Protein backbone atom coordinates (compact mmCIF):
# COMPACT_ATOMS: atom_id res chain seq x y z
CA MET A 1 -47.04 -16.68 -7.49
CA LYS A 2 -44.48 -14.13 -8.60
CA ASP A 3 -42.46 -13.92 -5.39
CA ALA A 4 -42.90 -16.72 -2.87
CA LYS A 5 -40.66 -14.99 -0.30
CA CYS A 6 -43.09 -12.06 -0.08
CA ASP A 7 -46.19 -14.10 -0.93
CA ARG A 8 -46.85 -11.59 -3.73
CA THR A 9 -48.92 -12.61 -6.73
CA ASN A 10 -48.96 -11.54 -10.36
CA GLY A 11 -52.60 -10.57 -9.92
CA SER A 12 -52.15 -7.92 -7.23
CA TYR A 13 -53.71 -4.56 -8.02
CA PRO A 14 -50.30 -2.84 -8.49
CA SER A 15 -49.34 -5.41 -11.13
CA LEU A 16 -52.67 -4.80 -12.88
CA ILE A 17 -51.97 -1.05 -13.04
CA ALA A 18 -48.60 -1.20 -14.75
CA LYS A 19 -45.19 -2.76 -14.68
CA LEU A 20 -44.40 -1.16 -11.35
CA HIS A 21 -41.50 -1.93 -9.10
CA SER A 22 -43.53 -3.64 -6.41
CA VAL A 23 -42.31 -4.14 -2.88
CA THR A 24 -45.63 -5.41 -1.57
CA GLY A 25 -45.77 -8.48 0.59
CA ALA A 26 -48.29 -10.46 2.59
CA ARG A 27 -48.03 -10.09 6.34
CA ALA A 28 -45.80 -7.02 5.97
CA THR A 29 -46.35 -4.33 8.58
CA THR A 30 -45.43 -0.66 8.74
CA ARG A 31 -42.31 -1.77 10.64
CA ASP A 32 -41.17 -3.51 7.43
CA PHE A 33 -41.22 -0.14 5.70
CA TRP A 34 -38.13 0.88 7.70
CA ASN A 35 -36.63 -2.52 8.63
CA SER A 36 -35.57 -5.61 6.74
CA ARG A 37 -37.30 -8.89 7.50
CA SER A 38 -36.41 -12.40 6.35
CA GLY A 39 -33.79 -11.05 3.96
CA ILE A 40 -36.22 -8.58 2.36
CA PRO A 41 -34.82 -5.03 2.42
CA PRO A 42 -36.82 -2.20 3.99
CA ARG A 43 -39.55 -0.98 1.62
CA ILE A 44 -38.30 2.60 1.95
CA ASP A 45 -35.13 1.58 0.08
CA ALA A 46 -37.20 1.32 -3.12
CA LEU A 47 -37.92 5.06 -3.02
CA THR A 48 -35.68 7.58 -4.76
CA PRO A 49 -35.93 11.30 -5.60
CA ASP A 50 -36.96 10.18 -9.12
CA THR A 51 -39.85 7.96 -7.98
CA GLY A 52 -42.97 9.23 -9.73
CA LEU A 53 -45.72 7.06 -8.25
CA VAL A 54 -46.25 5.28 -4.95
CA THR A 55 -49.35 3.21 -4.24
CA LEU A 56 -49.83 2.20 -0.66
CA THR A 57 -52.21 -0.32 0.84
CA LEU A 58 -52.34 -0.94 4.54
CA GLY A 59 -53.86 -4.19 5.65
CA GLY A 60 -55.22 -5.30 8.97
CA ASN A 61 -51.70 -6.24 10.04
CA ASP A 62 -51.22 -2.85 11.63
CA VAL A 63 -51.95 0.83 11.36
CA GLY A 64 -49.97 3.95 12.25
CA PHE A 65 -48.71 5.26 8.96
CA SER A 66 -48.49 9.05 9.15
CA ASP A 67 -44.71 8.76 9.63
CA MET A 68 -44.59 6.46 6.63
CA LEU A 69 -46.34 9.02 4.43
CA ALA A 70 -43.98 11.74 5.65
CA ASP A 71 -40.93 9.57 4.87
CA ILE A 72 -42.29 8.78 1.40
CA ARG A 73 -42.57 12.54 0.79
CA ARG A 74 -39.01 13.13 2.06
CA ARG A 75 -37.54 10.36 -0.12
CA SER A 76 -39.68 11.01 -3.20
CA PRO A 77 -40.87 14.62 -3.03
CA HIS A 78 -42.29 14.67 -6.56
CA ALA A 79 -44.10 11.32 -6.40
CA LYS A 80 -47.83 11.05 -6.66
CA VAL A 81 -48.85 8.98 -3.63
CA ILE A 82 -52.10 7.01 -3.72
CA VAL A 83 -53.37 5.53 -0.45
CA VAL A 84 -55.64 2.66 -1.47
CA GLY A 85 -58.51 1.96 0.94
CA TYR A 86 -60.24 -1.19 2.11
CA PRO A 87 -62.92 -2.83 -0.03
CA ALA A 88 -66.34 -3.81 1.38
CA LEU A 89 -65.37 -7.08 3.06
CA PHE A 90 -68.69 -7.52 4.85
CA PRO A 91 -72.31 -6.83 3.84
CA ASP A 92 -72.96 -3.10 3.86
CA ASP A 93 -76.35 -3.76 5.47
CA GLY A 94 -74.64 -5.56 8.37
CA VAL A 95 -76.63 -8.77 7.85
CA ALA A 96 -74.86 -12.04 8.69
CA CYS A 97 -74.36 -14.95 6.33
CA PRO A 98 -73.93 -18.64 7.12
CA GLU A 99 -70.73 -19.05 5.09
CA VAL A 100 -68.78 -16.73 7.38
CA PRO A 101 -68.52 -18.06 10.97
CA PHE A 102 -69.02 -14.81 12.89
CA SER A 103 -71.86 -14.06 15.25
CA LYS A 104 -74.75 -12.03 13.90
CA GLY A 105 -73.75 -8.83 15.72
CA ASP A 106 -70.16 -9.04 14.51
CA PHE A 107 -71.03 -8.20 10.89
CA ALA A 108 -72.23 -4.65 11.57
CA CYS A 109 -69.28 -4.09 13.93
CA LEU A 110 -66.77 -5.38 11.35
CA ARG A 111 -68.39 -3.29 8.60
CA ASP A 112 -68.18 -0.21 10.82
CA THR A 113 -64.54 -0.97 11.66
CA THR A 114 -63.74 -1.19 7.95
CA THR A 115 -65.43 2.12 7.14
CA LYS A 116 -63.71 3.82 10.11
CA ALA A 117 -60.36 2.52 8.90
CA ASP A 118 -61.11 3.88 5.41
CA ARG A 119 -62.01 7.29 6.83
CA ALA A 120 -58.76 7.29 8.82
CA LEU A 121 -56.76 6.38 5.69
CA GLU A 122 -58.51 9.13 3.74
CA ARG A 123 -57.82 11.71 6.48
CA GLN A 124 -54.15 10.73 6.52
CA ALA A 125 -53.96 11.08 2.73
CA VAL A 126 -55.55 14.54 2.88
CA THR A 127 -53.34 15.58 5.81
CA ALA A 128 -50.22 14.46 3.90
CA GLY A 129 -50.86 17.37 1.55
CA PRO A 130 -50.69 17.97 -2.19
CA GLY A 131 -49.66 15.00 -4.29
CA THR A 132 -51.25 12.46 -1.95
CA SER A 133 -54.77 11.15 -2.50
CA PHE A 134 -57.09 8.37 -1.39
CA ALA A 135 -58.51 5.68 -3.67
CA ASP A 136 -61.92 4.57 -2.40
CA THR A 137 -62.33 0.84 -3.00
CA TYR A 138 -65.20 0.42 -0.51
CA THR A 139 -67.95 2.12 -2.51
CA PRO A 140 -67.43 0.20 -5.78
CA THR A 141 -67.29 -3.15 -3.96
CA ILE A 142 -70.55 -2.76 -2.00
CA GLY A 143 -72.76 -5.71 -2.90
CA HIS A 144 -69.78 -7.92 -3.78
CA ASP A 145 -68.62 -8.79 -0.24
CA MET A 146 -67.65 -12.21 1.10
CA CYS A 147 -71.29 -13.13 1.84
CA ARG A 148 -72.40 -12.94 -1.77
CA PRO A 149 -72.74 -16.04 -3.95
CA ARG A 150 -69.42 -17.07 -5.45
CA ASP A 151 -70.26 -15.70 -8.90
CA GLU A 152 -71.14 -12.26 -7.42
CA ARG A 153 -68.43 -11.82 -4.80
CA TRP A 154 -65.24 -9.86 -5.29
CA ILE A 155 -64.01 -10.60 -1.76
CA GLU A 156 -63.33 -14.21 -0.89
CA SER A 157 -65.21 -15.83 1.92
CA LEU A 158 -64.24 -18.23 4.70
CA PRO A 159 -63.37 -20.74 3.31
CA PRO A 160 -62.11 -19.15 0.09
CA ALA A 161 -62.43 -20.52 -3.41
CA GLN A 162 -59.50 -22.51 -4.76
CA ASN A 163 -56.37 -20.45 -5.51
CA THR A 164 -57.64 -17.46 -3.54
CA THR A 165 -57.07 -16.06 -0.05
CA ALA A 166 -59.78 -15.79 2.60
CA ALA A 167 -61.07 -12.27 3.26
CA HIS A 168 -59.04 -10.84 0.37
CA PRO A 169 -60.09 -9.57 -3.04
CA ASN A 170 -60.35 -12.18 -5.77
CA THR A 171 -59.46 -11.46 -9.40
CA LEU A 172 -62.49 -9.21 -9.95
CA GLY A 173 -61.93 -7.47 -6.62
CA ARG A 174 -58.29 -6.75 -7.44
CA SER A 175 -59.39 -5.38 -10.82
CA VAL A 176 -61.79 -2.98 -9.09
CA MET A 177 -59.03 -1.92 -6.69
CA ALA A 178 -56.76 -1.30 -9.68
CA ALA A 179 -59.47 0.78 -11.38
CA SER A 180 -59.96 2.87 -8.22
CA ALA A 181 -56.22 3.47 -7.95
CA LEU A 182 -55.98 4.30 -11.67
CA TRP A 183 -58.77 6.85 -11.27
CA GLN A 184 -56.67 8.68 -8.69
CA ILE A 185 -53.46 8.28 -10.67
CA TYR A 186 -55.00 10.08 -13.63
CA GLN A 187 -56.45 12.94 -11.57
CA PRO A 188 -54.52 16.20 -11.75
CA CYS A 189 -51.90 16.54 -9.07
CA HIS A 190 -52.23 19.90 -7.30
CA ARG A 191 -49.00 21.14 -5.77
CA PRO A 192 -48.22 24.52 -4.24
């Protein structure tokens, strides 16, 4: 663990991309972007006019981030902003598995909720304008969800393997997220 206060690990996808100044943190919400919590300064304070890259992942902790994207643009107008989507947490075919204690009908609903959230994130990235893009992590993780056998899964199940977090990407999953973000980082940035 790199930063116990934020519950941030060395293996997070931003740390796999580069030696970035990371202000990620488990259980952080969009409110933490503008406000300090537990002695951690607001995330927006990390942005400057010279910031060149911002990667942004929004978890299930909350949504409502169009203002956040606008404030990133105001603080760092020349930054390339990559909104990183959700991976395929649940089977894409909606079929249940015994290792995850949800009812059979919940799997399709949860899968649909994940894909709707990804579409909303992508729309927000497009709406934010030039210099902001969406990194799809759902498509490359299909078939590696939490219901797969341990040696095939990139998303940890309930209960998770040792030294992992339930319903979060494991080492391979974080590597795929990093690759998806890198793909967007290296795409040309079209500005007016």
